[in-house]
Amino acid sequence: MVAKPASIDIEEVGSLRDLVDEMRRDGEPRFLRVDDQNVAVLIPLHAHGRRLRTRTVTAEDMEAFLSSAGGWKDIVDVEQFKRDNAASRRMSTRPPIDV
């Protein structure tokens, strides 16, 4: 279960900088409150975002990729596709506006 962020009454906070420093130390978001109502959420940004792990490309991967080049040749008529695409862009799919 995710813990609820701490609520802080900004009337009682000495400086915004102190609040930001505290949030950075803890790494937890804070609700900012005025008159017992949440008015904002202060969320820390991480300097280093997570990178997706990438696996190394093997020779088999490269061979499979290169062998797929031209895989649609003679299956799709390119000129007909271009004509159909241009025609579909000219056709409006929005209903008319009644003024």
Protein backbone atom coordinates (compact mmCIF):
# COMPACT_ATOMS: atom_id res chain seq x y z
CA MET A 1 0.00 0.00 0.00
CA VAL A 2 1.30 3.47 -0.88
CA ALA A 3 1.74 5.85 2.04
CA LYS A 4 -0.21 9.11 1.88
CA PRO A 5 2.06 12.16 1.46
CA ALA A 6 2.49 14.34 4.53
CA SER A 7 0.28 17.43 4.74
CA ILE A 8 1.98 20.69 5.64
CA ASP A 9 0.17 23.91 6.53
CA ILE A 10 2.09 26.56 4.58
CA GLU A 11 1.05 29.23 7.09
CA GLU A 12 3.43 27.57 9.57
CA VAL A 13 6.37 27.07 7.20
CA GLY A 14 9.21 29.54 7.67
CA SER A 15 10.52 29.43 4.11
CA LEU A 16 9.79 27.54 0.95
CA ARG A 17 13.47 26.65 0.67
CA ASP A 18 13.35 24.79 4.00
CA LEU A 19 10.33 22.84 2.80
CA VAL A 20 12.05 21.93 -0.47
CA ASP A 21 15.22 20.85 1.34
CA GLU A 22 13.20 18.63 3.68
CA MET A 23 11.33 17.09 0.75
CA ARG A 24 14.58 16.39 -1.12
CA ARG A 25 16.07 14.71 1.94
CA ASP A 26 13.06 12.44 2.43
CA GLY A 27 12.29 11.98 -1.26
CA GLU A 28 8.56 12.00 -0.42
CA PRO A 29 5.86 14.29 -1.86
CA ARG A 30 4.04 16.81 0.35
CA PHE A 31 0.50 18.18 0.30
CA LEU A 32 0.49 21.93 0.85
CA ARG A 33 -2.49 23.09 2.91
CA VAL A 34 -4.15 26.44 3.53
CA ASP A 35 -7.09 26.72 5.94
CA ASP A 36 -7.36 22.92 6.28
CA GLN A 37 -7.62 22.39 2.51
CA ASN A 38 -5.05 20.81 0.23
CA VAL A 39 -4.09 23.40 -2.39
CA ALA A 40 -1.02 21.87 -4.05
CA VAL A 41 1.28 18.88 -4.13
CA LEU A 42 5.03 19.28 -3.98
CA ILE A 43 6.75 16.32 -5.67
CA PRO A 44 10.51 15.79 -5.81
CA LEU A 45 12.14 15.40 -9.20
CA HIS A 46 14.86 12.82 -9.45
CA ALA A 47 18.09 14.04 -10.99
CA HIS A 48 18.78 10.72 -12.64
CA GLY A 49 15.78 9.07 -14.22
CA ARG A 50 15.70 5.34 -14.58
CA ARG A 51 16.99 4.07 -17.87
CA LEU A 52 15.41 1.08 -19.42
CA ARG A 53 17.74 -1.85 -19.47
CA THR A 54 18.70 -2.67 -23.00
CA ARG A 55 20.09 -5.97 -23.98
CA THR A 56 23.00 -6.20 -26.35
CA VAL A 57 22.17 -6.81 -29.98
CA THR A 58 23.38 -10.20 -31.11
CA ALA A 59 24.40 -11.24 -34.61
CA GLU A 60 21.17 -13.25 -34.88
CA ASP A 61 19.14 -10.15 -34.00
CA MET A 62 20.87 -8.12 -36.68
CA GLU A 63 20.43 -10.88 -39.25
CA ALA A 64 16.70 -11.15 -38.48
CA PHE A 65 16.32 -7.37 -38.73
CA LEU A 66 18.11 -7.16 -42.07
CA SER A 67 16.20 -10.13 -43.50
CA SER A 68 12.90 -8.35 -42.79
CA ALA A 69 13.83 -5.47 -45.11
CA GLY A 70 11.49 -5.50 -48.09
CA GLY A 71 9.17 -7.95 -46.38
CA TRP A 72 6.06 -6.14 -47.70
CA LYS A 73 7.32 -5.95 -51.26
CA ASP A 74 4.67 -7.10 -53.77
CA ILE A 75 2.09 -7.34 -50.95
CA VAL A 76 1.12 -3.66 -50.82
CA ASP A 77 0.63 -1.51 -53.91
CA VAL A 78 2.46 1.63 -52.79
CA GLU A 79 0.84 3.97 -55.32
CA GLN A 80 -2.66 2.76 -54.42
CA PHE A 81 -1.81 3.19 -50.75
CA LYS A 82 -0.74 6.79 -51.38
CA ARG A 83 -3.98 7.52 -53.27
CA ASP A 84 -6.12 5.94 -50.55
CA ASN A 85 -4.24 7.82 -47.86
CA ALA A 86 -4.65 11.17 -49.62
CA ALA A 87 -8.37 10.51 -50.16
CA SER A 88 -8.93 9.62 -46.50
CA ARG A 89 -7.24 12.86 -45.42
CA ARG A 90 -9.63 14.89 -47.58
CA MET A 91 -12.67 13.20 -46.03
CA SER A 92 -14.06 14.87 -42.89
CA THR A 93 -15.10 12.59 -40.05
CA ARG A 94 -16.51 15.38 -37.88
CA PRO A 95 -20.24 16.01 -37.82
CA PRO A 96 -21.39 19.35 -39.25
CA ILE A 97 -21.77 22.22 -36.81
CA ASP A 98 -25.30 23.56 -36.35
CA VAL A 99 -25.24 27.28 -35.67
